[in-house]
C-alpha cells in the first residue's frame, strides 16, 4: 500500500492497527476544475476519471472501501447496519474518555460565513457555542467548525482530540471546496483496522 505524498495521515496516537488517511486534490487523473484526485461520482467529472481515481485510492487500502454519498444534514451512516461484506465495522463499545478523535480538512474559521439561524441552531444544543462565532457583517457570523466539533466531542466525553487547522476554502491548491467553487471535485477520508 502506498499513499500519495500530499495525502494527509492523521497525527494522533491511535493504536498501530488503526490506519487512516484523507486524500487531497493531488494524485489522480482528472482534469480542469476536478484536477486531479476527484472521487465524487456526482460532481460532473468524467465517470472514467472518477473510476480510475478510486482505483488509485484502492491500492492504498487493504480492501474495497464503503463509498458513501455525503450530504449536509444530521443523519449518521451506521456502518454496522450495512449488509454483511460491504464493510466489517463493529461497535467496540469504547467509552468516550478512552476514545480519540482526529479532525480532518474542513472550511476554516475565517471563511465559514453563516446566518443567525445557523448560529442559533448550534446554540440551542450547546450553550457555549457562542464562543465559536464572531460577528462578521450585518446579519452574518463567522463560524469555527473545529471549535464546535471539539465542544460536541467534549460533551460526549471525548477528551483526546487531534487535528484541525486546515481550511478547504483558502488552501485552493490542496483541497476541493464546493463552497468556493460550485463545480468542484470531492476528497475522501478513509479509516480501517488492520487484521491481527
N, C-alpha and C. Protein backbone atom coordinates (compact mmCIF):
# COMPACT_ATOMS: atom_id res chain seq x y z
N UNK A 1 0.85 -1.18 0.00
CA UNK A 1 0.00 0.00 0.00
C UNK A 1 0.89 1.24 0.00
N UNK A 2 0.58 2.17 -0.89
CA UNK A 2 1.35 3.42 -0.91
C UNK A 2 0.42 4.60 -1.03
N UNK A 3 0.74 5.65 -0.29
CA UNK A 3 -0.06 6.87 -0.31
C UNK A 3 0.64 7.93 -1.14
N UNK A 4 -0.15 8.76 -1.80
CA UNK A 4 0.43 9.91 -2.49
C UNK A 4 1.02 10.82 -1.42
N UNK A 5 2.18 11.44 -1.68
CA UNK A 5 2.82 12.25 -0.63
C UNK A 5 2.00 13.45 -0.15
N UNK A 6 1.03 13.91 -0.92
CA UNK A 6 0.22 15.05 -0.47
C UNK A 6 -0.96 14.64 0.39
N UNK A 7 -1.30 13.34 0.39
CA UNK A 7 -2.43 12.89 1.19
C UNK A 7 -2.08 13.01 2.67
N UNK A 8 -3.10 13.22 3.47
CA UNK A 8 -2.90 13.53 4.89
C UNK A 8 -3.11 12.29 5.75
N UNK A 9 -2.12 11.97 6.54
CA UNK A 9 -2.21 10.89 7.52
C UNK A 9 -2.37 11.55 8.88
N UNK A 10 -3.39 11.19 9.64
CA UNK A 10 -3.59 11.82 10.95
C UNK A 10 -2.38 11.70 11.86
N UNK A 11 -2.09 12.79 12.55
CA UNK A 11 -1.03 12.81 13.55
C UNK A 11 -1.72 12.66 14.91
N UNK A 12 -1.91 11.42 15.28
CA UNK A 12 -2.64 11.11 16.52
C UNK A 12 -2.09 9.81 17.10
N UNK A 13 -2.28 9.57 18.38
CA UNK A 13 -1.73 8.36 19.00
C UNK A 13 -2.68 7.16 18.91
N UNK A 14 -3.16 6.88 17.71
CA UNK A 14 -4.05 5.73 17.53
C UNK A 14 -3.25 4.44 17.66
N UNK A 15 -3.89 3.35 18.05
CA UNK A 15 -3.19 2.06 18.09
C UNK A 15 -2.61 1.74 16.71
N UNK A 16 -1.50 1.02 16.66
CA UNK A 16 -0.83 0.75 15.37
C UNK A 16 -1.73 0.09 14.33
N UNK A 17 -2.71 -0.68 14.77
CA UNK A 17 -3.59 -1.35 13.81
C UNK A 17 -4.61 -0.41 13.18
N UNK A 18 -4.82 0.77 13.77
CA UNK A 18 -5.78 1.73 13.22
C UNK A 18 -5.05 2.59 12.20
N UNK A 19 -5.54 2.58 10.99
CA UNK A 19 -4.93 3.34 9.90
C UNK A 19 -5.96 4.31 9.33
N UNK A 20 -5.48 5.43 8.82
CA UNK A 20 -6.39 6.42 8.24
C UNK A 20 -5.62 7.35 7.32
N UNK A 21 -6.33 7.93 6.36
CA UNK A 21 -5.77 9.00 5.54
C UNK A 21 -6.91 9.76 4.87
N UNK A 22 -6.58 10.96 4.43
CA UNK A 22 -7.52 11.81 3.69
C UNK A 22 -6.83 12.20 2.39
N UNK A 23 -7.54 12.06 1.29
CA UNK A 23 -6.96 12.47 0.02
C UNK A 23 -6.99 13.99 -0.09
N UNK A 24 -6.21 14.51 -1.02
CA UNK A 24 -6.22 15.93 -1.35
C UNK A 24 -6.56 16.04 -2.83
N UNK A 25 -6.34 17.21 -3.41
CA UNK A 25 -6.59 17.37 -4.84
C UNK A 25 -5.60 16.59 -5.70
N UNK A 26 -4.47 16.22 -5.15
CA UNK A 26 -3.37 15.64 -5.94
C UNK A 26 -3.39 14.12 -5.97
N UNK A 27 -2.80 13.59 -7.06
CA UNK A 27 -2.57 12.15 -7.13
C UNK A 27 -3.47 11.40 -8.09
N UNK A 28 -4.33 12.10 -8.83
CA UNK A 28 -5.27 11.41 -9.70
C UNK A 28 -5.13 11.77 -11.16
N UNK A 29 -6.18 11.48 -11.93
CA UNK A 29 -6.14 11.66 -13.39
C UNK A 29 -7.14 12.69 -13.90
N UNK A 30 -7.99 13.23 -13.05
CA UNK A 30 -8.99 14.19 -13.50
C UNK A 30 -8.34 15.48 -13.96
N UNK A 31 -9.08 16.26 -14.77
CA UNK A 31 -8.54 17.49 -15.34
C UNK A 31 -9.43 18.68 -15.03
N UNK A 32 -8.92 19.87 -15.29
CA UNK A 32 -9.69 21.10 -15.11
C UNK A 32 -10.03 21.34 -13.66
N UNK A 33 -11.26 21.77 -13.40
CA UNK A 33 -11.67 22.05 -12.03
C UNK A 33 -11.70 20.81 -11.14
N UNK A 34 -11.64 19.63 -11.76
CA UNK A 34 -11.63 18.37 -11.00
C UNK A 34 -10.22 17.83 -10.78
N UNK A 35 -9.23 18.61 -11.18
CA UNK A 35 -7.84 18.17 -11.13
C UNK A 35 -7.39 17.97 -9.68
N UNK A 36 -6.83 16.85 -9.33
CA UNK A 36 -6.71 15.70 -10.19
C UNK A 36 -7.30 14.45 -9.53
N UNK A 37 -7.41 14.44 -8.19
CA UNK A 37 -7.91 13.27 -7.46
C UNK A 37 -9.36 13.46 -7.05
N UNK A 38 -10.25 13.64 -8.01
CA UNK A 38 -11.68 13.75 -7.71
C UNK A 38 -12.27 12.36 -7.51
N UNK A 39 -12.92 12.16 -6.37
CA UNK A 39 -13.53 10.86 -6.06
C UNK A 39 -15.05 10.89 -6.14
N UNK A 40 -15.64 12.05 -6.46
CA UNK A 40 -17.09 12.20 -6.45
C UNK A 40 -17.76 11.80 -7.75
N UNK A 41 -18.67 10.83 -7.69
CA UNK A 41 -19.36 10.36 -8.89
C UNK A 41 -20.43 11.34 -9.37
N UNK A 42 -20.88 12.23 -8.49
CA UNK A 42 -21.95 13.17 -8.90
C UNK A 42 -21.42 14.60 -9.05
N UNK A 43 -20.11 14.75 -9.21
CA UNK A 43 -19.51 16.07 -9.28
C UNK A 43 -19.54 16.69 -10.67
N UNK A 44 -19.79 15.88 -11.70
CA UNK A 44 -19.77 16.37 -13.07
C UNK A 44 -18.52 15.97 -13.83
N UNK A 45 -17.60 15.33 -13.16
CA UNK A 45 -16.36 14.86 -13.78
C UNK A 45 -16.68 13.68 -14.70
N UNK A 46 -15.74 13.35 -15.58
CA UNK A 46 -15.90 12.18 -16.44
C UNK A 46 -15.92 10.92 -15.59
N UNK A 47 -16.94 10.06 -15.76
CA UNK A 47 -17.03 8.85 -14.93
C UNK A 47 -15.77 7.98 -14.99
N UNK A 48 -15.12 7.90 -16.17
CA UNK A 48 -13.91 7.10 -16.28
C UNK A 48 -12.80 7.66 -15.39
N UNK A 49 -12.71 8.99 -15.29
CA UNK A 49 -11.69 9.59 -14.43
C UNK A 49 -11.94 9.25 -12.97
N UNK A 50 -13.20 9.34 -12.55
CA UNK A 50 -13.54 9.03 -11.15
C UNK A 50 -13.24 7.56 -10.86
N UNK A 51 -13.60 6.69 -11.78
CA UNK A 51 -13.32 5.26 -11.61
C UNK A 51 -11.83 5.01 -11.47
N UNK A 52 -11.03 5.65 -12.31
CA UNK A 52 -9.57 5.48 -12.25
C UNK A 52 -9.01 6.07 -10.95
N UNK A 53 -9.54 7.21 -10.51
CA UNK A 53 -9.10 7.81 -9.24
C UNK A 53 -9.41 6.89 -8.06
N UNK A 54 -10.62 6.32 -8.07
CA UNK A 54 -10.98 5.41 -6.99
C UNK A 54 -10.10 4.16 -7.00
N UNK A 55 -9.70 3.72 -8.18
CA UNK A 55 -8.79 2.57 -8.27
C UNK A 55 -7.43 2.91 -7.67
N UNK A 56 -6.97 4.14 -7.87
CA UNK A 56 -5.70 4.58 -7.27
C UNK A 56 -5.80 4.55 -5.75
N UNK A 57 -6.90 5.07 -5.22
CA UNK A 57 -7.10 5.05 -3.77
C UNK A 57 -7.17 3.62 -3.25
N UNK A 58 -7.83 2.76 -4.00
CA UNK A 58 -7.98 1.36 -3.59
C UNK A 58 -6.63 0.68 -3.36
N UNK A 59 -5.60 1.10 -4.12
CA UNK A 59 -4.27 0.49 -3.95
C UNK A 59 -3.65 0.84 -2.60
N UNK A 60 -4.17 1.87 -1.93
CA UNK A 60 -3.64 2.28 -0.62
C UNK A 60 -4.45 1.68 0.53
N UNK A 61 -5.43 0.85 0.21
CA UNK A 61 -6.32 0.27 1.22
C UNK A 61 -6.20 -1.25 1.25
N UNK A 62 -6.54 -1.87 2.39
CA UNK A 62 -6.46 -3.32 2.47
C UNK A 62 -7.65 -4.04 1.83
N UNK A 63 -8.67 -3.30 1.44
CA UNK A 63 -9.86 -3.88 0.83
C UNK A 63 -10.68 -2.80 0.17
N UNK A 64 -11.83 -3.19 -0.36
CA UNK A 64 -12.72 -2.22 -1.00
C UNK A 64 -13.38 -1.34 0.05
N UNK A 65 -13.34 -0.02 -0.14
CA UNK A 65 -13.97 0.87 0.85
C UNK A 65 -15.49 0.92 0.67
N UNK A 66 -16.17 1.37 1.70
CA UNK A 66 -17.60 1.66 1.63
C UNK A 66 -17.71 3.10 1.14
N UNK A 67 -18.15 3.29 -0.10
CA UNK A 67 -18.27 4.64 -0.67
C UNK A 67 -19.61 5.22 -0.23
N UNK A 68 -19.58 6.33 0.47
CA UNK A 68 -20.79 6.97 0.97
C UNK A 68 -21.06 8.24 0.19
N UNK A 69 -22.32 8.62 0.10
CA UNK A 69 -22.70 9.89 -0.53
C UNK A 69 -22.90 10.90 0.60
N UNK A 70 -21.94 11.81 0.77
CA UNK A 70 -22.02 12.79 1.85
C UNK A 70 -22.99 13.90 1.50
N UNK A 71 -23.83 14.24 2.45
CA UNK A 71 -24.77 15.35 2.30
C UNK A 71 -24.74 16.17 3.59
N UNK A 72 -25.18 17.42 3.51
CA UNK A 72 -25.32 18.22 4.72
C UNK A 72 -26.59 17.79 5.42
N UNK A 73 -26.48 17.46 6.68
CA UNK A 73 -27.64 17.02 7.43
C UNK A 73 -27.23 16.49 8.77
N UNK A 74 -28.18 15.88 9.45
CA UNK A 74 -27.93 15.37 10.80
C UNK A 74 -27.95 13.85 10.85
N UNK A 75 -28.15 13.19 9.73
CA UNK A 75 -28.17 11.73 9.70
C UNK A 75 -26.74 11.19 9.77
N UNK A 76 -26.58 10.06 10.44
CA UNK A 76 -25.29 9.42 10.59
C UNK A 76 -25.37 8.05 9.92
N UNK A 77 -24.38 7.70 9.12
CA UNK A 77 -24.33 6.38 8.49
C UNK A 77 -23.85 5.37 9.51
N UNK A 78 -24.64 4.35 9.75
CA UNK A 78 -24.29 3.29 10.68
C UNK A 78 -23.69 2.14 9.87
N UNK A 79 -22.36 2.05 9.86
CA UNK A 79 -21.72 1.02 9.06
C UNK A 79 -22.02 -0.38 9.57
N UNK A 80 -22.41 -0.49 10.84
CA UNK A 80 -22.81 -1.80 11.35
C UNK A 80 -24.09 -2.29 10.68
N UNK A 81 -24.91 -1.37 10.20
CA UNK A 81 -26.19 -1.73 9.59
C UNK A 81 -26.05 -2.09 8.11
N UNK A 82 -24.86 -1.89 7.53
CA UNK A 82 -24.66 -2.26 6.14
C UNK A 82 -24.73 -3.77 5.99
N UNK A 83 -25.17 -4.26 4.83
CA UNK A 83 -25.20 -5.71 4.63
C UNK A 83 -23.82 -6.33 4.81
N UNK A 84 -23.79 -7.56 5.31
CA UNK A 84 -22.54 -8.27 5.55
C UNK A 84 -21.67 -8.25 4.30
N UNK A 85 -20.40 -7.99 4.48
CA UNK A 85 -19.47 -7.99 3.37
C UNK A 85 -19.16 -6.61 2.84
N UNK A 86 -20.03 -5.59 3.04
CA UNK A 86 -19.77 -4.25 2.50
C UNK A 86 -18.75 -3.50 3.33
N UNK A 87 -18.71 -3.70 4.62
CA UNK A 87 -17.64 -3.18 5.46
C UNK A 87 -17.83 -3.78 6.82
N UNK A 88 -16.78 -4.57 7.32
CA UNK A 88 -16.90 -5.35 8.56
C UNK A 88 -16.69 -4.45 9.76
N UNK A 89 -17.54 -3.41 9.90
CA UNK A 89 -17.43 -2.49 11.04
C UNK A 89 -18.20 -3.07 12.22
N UNK A 90 -17.64 -2.90 13.41
CA UNK A 90 -18.30 -3.35 14.62
C UNK A 90 -18.23 -2.26 15.67
N UNK A 91 -19.28 -2.19 16.43
CA UNK A 91 -19.25 -1.25 17.54
C UNK A 91 -18.39 -1.86 18.64
N UNK A 92 -17.34 -1.15 19.02
CA UNK A 92 -16.40 -1.68 20.01
C UNK A 92 -16.78 -1.31 21.43
N UNK A 93 -17.77 -0.44 21.59
CA UNK A 93 -18.22 -0.10 22.93
C UNK A 93 -17.16 0.62 23.75
N UNK A 94 -16.33 1.44 23.12
CA UNK A 94 -15.27 2.15 23.84
C UNK A 94 -15.86 3.40 24.48
N UNK A 95 -15.66 3.60 25.77
CA UNK A 95 -16.18 4.80 26.43
C UNK A 95 -15.53 6.07 25.90
N UNK A 96 -16.23 7.19 26.00
CA UNK A 96 -15.76 8.47 25.49
C UNK A 96 -14.38 8.85 26.00
N UNK A 97 -14.11 8.60 27.28
CA UNK A 97 -12.81 9.00 27.83
C UNK A 97 -11.66 8.18 27.27
N UNK A 98 -11.96 7.03 26.64
CA UNK A 98 -10.92 6.21 26.01
C UNK A 98 -10.89 6.38 24.49
N UNK A 99 -11.77 7.21 23.99
CA UNK A 99 -11.88 7.44 22.55
C UNK A 99 -10.98 8.61 22.15
N UNK A 100 -10.36 8.48 20.98
CA UNK A 100 -9.61 9.60 20.42
C UNK A 100 -10.28 9.99 19.11
N UNK A 101 -10.15 11.25 18.75
CA UNK A 101 -10.73 11.75 17.50
C UNK A 101 -9.69 12.59 16.78
N UNK A 102 -9.81 12.61 15.46
CA UNK A 102 -8.95 13.46 14.63
C UNK A 102 -9.85 14.25 13.70
N UNK A 103 -9.64 15.57 13.67
CA UNK A 103 -10.44 16.46 12.85
C UNK A 103 -9.71 16.73 11.53
N UNK A 104 -10.29 16.28 10.45
CA UNK A 104 -9.69 16.42 9.14
C UNK A 104 -10.04 17.73 8.47
N UNK A 105 -9.76 17.85 7.17
CA UNK A 105 -9.99 19.09 6.44
C UNK A 105 -11.44 19.57 6.48
N UNK A 106 -11.61 20.84 6.74
CA UNK A 106 -12.92 21.50 6.75
C UNK A 106 -12.70 22.97 6.44
N UNK A 107 -13.77 23.66 6.19
CA UNK A 107 -13.66 25.10 5.97
C UNK A 107 -13.22 25.76 7.27
N UNK A 108 -12.30 26.69 7.18
CA UNK A 108 -11.71 27.31 8.36
C UNK A 108 -12.55 28.44 8.94
N UNK A 109 -12.21 28.89 10.15
CA UNK A 109 -13.00 29.89 10.86
C UNK A 109 -12.98 31.28 10.23
N UNK A 110 -12.05 31.54 9.34
CA UNK A 110 -12.03 32.84 8.65
C UNK A 110 -12.77 32.80 7.33
N UNK A 111 -13.38 31.65 7.00
CA UNK A 111 -14.06 31.51 5.71
C UNK A 111 -15.49 30.99 5.83
N UNK A 112 -15.89 30.48 7.00
CA UNK A 112 -17.20 29.87 7.15
C UNK A 112 -18.22 30.92 7.60
N UNK A 113 -18.81 31.59 6.63
CA UNK A 113 -19.80 32.64 6.92
C UNK A 113 -21.20 32.01 6.97
N UNK A 114 -21.94 32.31 8.05
CA UNK A 114 -23.28 31.76 8.24
C UNK A 114 -24.22 32.86 8.72
N UNK A 115 -25.50 32.57 8.58
CA UNK A 115 -26.52 33.47 9.08
C UNK A 115 -26.86 33.18 10.53
N UNK A 116 -27.69 34.01 11.14
CA UNK A 116 -28.03 33.82 12.56
C UNK A 116 -28.77 32.52 12.83
N UNK A 117 -29.49 31.99 11.82
CA UNK A 117 -30.22 30.74 12.04
C UNK A 117 -29.28 29.57 12.29
N UNK A 118 -28.11 29.58 11.65
CA UNK A 118 -27.12 28.52 11.88
C UNK A 118 -26.52 28.66 13.27
N UNK A 119 -26.14 29.87 13.62
CA UNK A 119 -25.59 30.13 14.95
C UNK A 119 -26.60 29.73 16.02
N UNK A 120 -27.86 30.13 15.84
CA UNK A 120 -28.90 29.81 16.82
C UNK A 120 -29.10 28.30 16.96
N UNK A 121 -29.04 27.57 15.84
CA UNK A 121 -29.22 26.12 15.90
C UNK A 121 -28.13 25.47 16.74
N UNK A 122 -26.90 25.91 16.59
CA UNK A 122 -25.81 25.38 17.40
C UNK A 122 -25.98 25.77 18.86
N UNK A 123 -26.41 27.00 19.12
CA UNK A 123 -26.54 27.47 20.50
C UNK A 123 -27.68 26.77 21.24
N UNK A 124 -28.68 26.29 20.52
CA UNK A 124 -29.77 25.54 21.16
C UNK A 124 -29.29 24.20 21.71
N UNK A 125 -28.25 23.65 21.09
CA UNK A 125 -27.72 22.36 21.52
C UNK A 125 -26.56 22.51 22.50
N UNK A 126 -25.72 23.51 22.26
CA UNK A 126 -24.51 23.72 23.06
C UNK A 126 -24.49 25.14 23.59
N UNK A 127 -24.64 25.31 24.89
CA UNK A 127 -24.75 26.65 25.47
C UNK A 127 -23.50 27.49 25.24
N UNK A 128 -22.34 26.86 25.13
CA UNK A 128 -21.10 27.60 24.93
C UNK A 128 -20.78 27.85 23.45
N UNK A 129 -21.68 27.48 22.55
CA UNK A 129 -21.42 27.60 21.12
C UNK A 129 -21.20 29.04 20.67
N UNK A 130 -21.69 30.01 21.43
CA UNK A 130 -21.48 31.41 21.05
C UNK A 130 -20.00 31.74 20.89
N UNK A 131 -19.15 31.03 21.65
CA UNK A 131 -17.70 31.28 21.58
C UNK A 131 -17.09 30.86 20.25
N UNK A 132 -17.82 30.07 19.47
CA UNK A 132 -17.32 29.61 18.18
C UNK A 132 -17.77 30.50 17.02
N UNK A 133 -18.46 31.59 17.34
CA UNK A 133 -18.95 32.50 16.31
C UNK A 133 -18.50 33.92 16.62
N UNK A 134 -18.19 34.68 15.57
CA UNK A 134 -17.90 36.10 15.74
C UNK A 134 -18.66 36.88 14.69
N UNK A 135 -19.12 38.04 15.08
CA UNK A 135 -19.85 38.90 14.14
C UNK A 135 -18.94 39.26 12.98
N UNK A 136 -19.50 39.22 11.79
CA UNK A 136 -18.69 39.48 10.60
C UNK A 136 -19.17 40.73 9.87
N UNK A 137 -20.44 40.74 9.53
CA UNK A 137 -21.09 41.90 8.93
C UNK A 137 -22.56 41.80 9.29
N UNK A 138 -23.35 42.81 9.03
CA UNK A 138 -24.75 42.76 9.48
C UNK A 138 -25.46 41.47 9.05
N UNK A 139 -25.96 40.76 10.05
CA UNK A 139 -26.71 39.53 9.79
C UNK A 139 -25.85 38.32 9.47
N UNK A 140 -24.54 38.43 9.60
CA UNK A 140 -23.66 37.31 9.28
C UNK A 140 -22.62 37.10 10.38
N UNK A 141 -22.25 35.83 10.55
CA UNK A 141 -21.24 35.45 11.53
C UNK A 141 -20.21 34.57 10.86
N UNK A 142 -19.02 34.54 11.41
CA UNK A 142 -18.00 33.59 11.00
C UNK A 142 -17.99 32.47 12.05
N UNK A 143 -18.12 31.23 11.57
CA UNK A 143 -18.20 30.09 12.48
C UNK A 143 -16.94 29.25 12.45
N UNK A 144 -16.57 28.73 13.59
CA UNK A 144 -15.39 27.88 13.73
C UNK A 144 -15.86 26.43 13.90
N UNK A 145 -15.89 25.69 12.79
CA UNK A 145 -16.36 24.30 12.84
C UNK A 145 -15.48 23.42 13.71
N UNK A 146 -14.19 23.68 13.70
CA UNK A 146 -13.30 22.87 14.54
C UNK A 146 -13.62 23.07 16.02
N UNK A 147 -13.85 24.29 16.41
CA UNK A 147 -14.18 24.57 17.82
C UNK A 147 -15.52 23.94 18.19
N UNK A 148 -16.50 24.02 17.28
CA UNK A 148 -17.80 23.41 17.52
C UNK A 148 -17.67 21.89 17.65
N UNK A 149 -16.86 21.28 16.78
CA UNK A 149 -16.66 19.82 16.85
C UNK A 149 -16.01 19.43 18.18
N UNK A 150 -15.02 20.22 18.61
CA UNK A 150 -14.37 19.93 19.88
C UNK A 150 -15.35 20.03 21.05
N UNK A 151 -16.26 21.01 20.99
CA UNK A 151 -17.29 21.15 22.03
C UNK A 151 -18.20 19.93 22.07
N UNK A 152 -18.65 19.50 20.89
CA UNK A 152 -19.55 18.34 20.83
C UNK A 152 -18.84 17.08 21.33
N UNK A 153 -17.60 16.91 20.92
CA UNK A 153 -16.85 15.74 21.36
C UNK A 153 -16.63 15.77 22.87
N UNK A 154 -16.32 16.93 23.42
CA UNK A 154 -16.13 17.06 24.86
C UNK A 154 -17.41 16.70 25.60
N UNK A 155 -18.55 17.14 25.05
CA UNK A 155 -19.83 16.83 25.69
C UNK A 155 -20.11 15.33 25.68
N UNK A 156 -19.56 14.63 24.68
CA UNK A 156 -19.71 13.17 24.58
C UNK A 156 -18.65 12.44 25.41
N UNK A 157 -17.78 13.20 26.10
CA UNK A 157 -16.77 12.59 26.95
C UNK A 157 -15.44 12.34 26.27
N UNK A 158 -15.30 12.77 25.02
CA UNK A 158 -14.05 12.56 24.29
C UNK A 158 -13.07 13.66 24.69
N UNK A 159 -12.01 13.27 25.37
CA UNK A 159 -11.05 14.24 25.89
C UNK A 159 -9.82 14.41 25.00
N UNK A 160 -9.58 13.47 24.12
CA UNK A 160 -8.37 13.48 23.29
C UNK A 160 -8.75 13.72 21.84
N UNK A 161 -8.61 14.98 21.42
CA UNK A 161 -8.99 15.38 20.06
C UNK A 161 -7.78 15.99 19.38
N UNK A 162 -7.49 15.51 18.19
CA UNK A 162 -6.31 15.96 17.45
C UNK A 162 -6.76 16.52 16.10
N UNK A 163 -5.83 17.09 15.38
CA UNK A 163 -6.12 17.60 14.04
C UNK A 163 -6.72 18.98 14.05
N UNK A 164 -7.39 19.31 12.95
CA UNK A 164 -7.93 20.64 12.78
C UNK A 164 -6.88 21.54 12.16
N UNK A 165 -7.23 22.79 11.99
CA UNK A 165 -6.27 23.76 11.47
C UNK A 165 -6.16 23.81 9.96
N UNK A 166 -6.95 23.01 9.25
CA UNK A 166 -6.97 23.08 7.80
C UNK A 166 -8.01 24.10 7.36
N UNK A 167 -7.95 24.52 6.11
CA UNK A 167 -9.03 25.35 5.56
C UNK A 167 -9.22 24.99 4.10
N UNK A 168 -10.29 24.26 3.82
CA UNK A 168 -10.56 23.84 2.45
C UNK A 168 -10.88 25.02 1.54
N UNK A 169 -11.33 26.13 2.11
CA UNK A 169 -11.64 27.32 1.32
C UNK A 169 -10.38 28.05 0.86
N UNK A 170 -9.47 28.30 1.79
CA UNK A 170 -8.30 29.11 1.46
C UNK A 170 -7.14 28.33 0.87
N UNK A 171 -7.04 27.03 1.17
CA UNK A 171 -5.95 26.21 0.63
C UNK A 171 -6.38 25.64 -0.73
N UNK A 172 -6.48 26.54 -1.72
CA UNK A 172 -7.06 26.18 -3.02
C UNK A 172 -6.27 25.12 -3.77
N UNK A 173 -4.97 25.12 -3.67
CA UNK A 173 -4.17 24.13 -4.37
C UNK A 173 -4.17 22.76 -3.72
N UNK A 174 -4.62 22.71 -2.47
CA UNK A 174 -4.57 21.45 -1.71
C UNK A 174 -5.91 20.75 -1.61
N UNK A 175 -6.99 21.54 -1.48
CA UNK A 175 -8.31 20.95 -1.23
C UNK A 175 -9.35 21.41 -2.23
N UNK A 176 -10.30 20.53 -2.50
CA UNK A 176 -11.51 20.93 -3.22
C UNK A 176 -12.42 21.65 -2.23
N UNK A 177 -13.27 22.54 -2.72
CA UNK A 177 -14.24 23.22 -1.87
C UNK A 177 -15.47 23.56 -2.68
N UNK A 178 -16.57 22.88 -2.38
CA UNK A 178 -17.83 23.16 -3.08
C UNK A 178 -18.30 24.56 -2.79
N UNK A 179 -18.07 25.04 -1.58
CA UNK A 179 -18.49 26.39 -1.22
C UNK A 179 -17.71 27.44 -2.02
N UNK A 180 -16.45 27.16 -2.29
CA UNK A 180 -15.61 28.08 -3.05
C UNK A 180 -15.89 27.98 -4.54
N UNK A 181 -16.03 26.77 -5.05
CA UNK A 181 -16.22 26.52 -6.48
C UNK A 181 -17.37 25.53 -6.64
N UNK A 182 -18.50 25.98 -7.15
CA UNK A 182 -19.66 25.10 -7.27
C UNK A 182 -19.36 23.86 -8.11
N UNK A 183 -18.51 23.99 -9.11
CA UNK A 183 -18.06 22.82 -9.90
C UNK A 183 -16.71 22.42 -9.33
N UNK A 184 -16.72 21.36 -8.56
CA UNK A 184 -15.53 21.00 -7.79
C UNK A 184 -15.48 19.50 -7.60
N UNK A 185 -14.28 18.99 -7.41
CA UNK A 185 -14.12 17.58 -7.09
C UNK A 185 -14.43 17.30 -5.62
N UNK A 186 -14.31 16.04 -5.26
CA UNK A 186 -14.56 15.61 -3.89
C UNK A 186 -13.38 14.80 -3.40
N UNK A 187 -13.04 14.99 -2.13
CA UNK A 187 -11.97 14.25 -1.49
C UNK A 187 -12.55 13.06 -0.73
N UNK A 188 -11.70 12.22 -0.19
CA UNK A 188 -12.16 11.08 0.58
C UNK A 188 -11.39 10.93 1.87
N UNK A 189 -12.06 10.47 2.91
CA UNK A 189 -11.43 10.15 4.19
C UNK A 189 -11.65 8.65 4.44
N UNK A 190 -10.58 7.97 4.83
CA UNK A 190 -10.61 6.51 4.97
C UNK A 190 -10.01 6.11 6.30
N UNK A 191 -10.68 5.18 6.99
CA UNK A 191 -10.16 4.66 8.25
C UNK A 191 -10.51 3.19 8.33
N UNK A 192 -9.58 2.40 8.86
CA UNK A 192 -9.81 0.98 8.97
C UNK A 192 -8.92 0.40 10.07
N UNK A 193 -9.22 -0.83 10.43
CA UNK A 193 -8.41 -1.56 11.42
C UNK A 193 -7.75 -2.72 10.70
N UNK A 194 -6.44 -2.78 10.79
CA UNK A 194 -5.68 -3.87 10.17
C UNK A 194 -5.93 -5.16 10.93
N UNK A 195 -6.00 -6.28 10.23
CA UNK A 195 -6.17 -7.55 10.94
C UNK A 195 -4.94 -7.88 11.77
N UNK A 196 -5.15 -8.67 12.81
CA UNK A 196 -4.02 -9.03 13.69
C UNK A 196 -3.09 -9.99 12.98
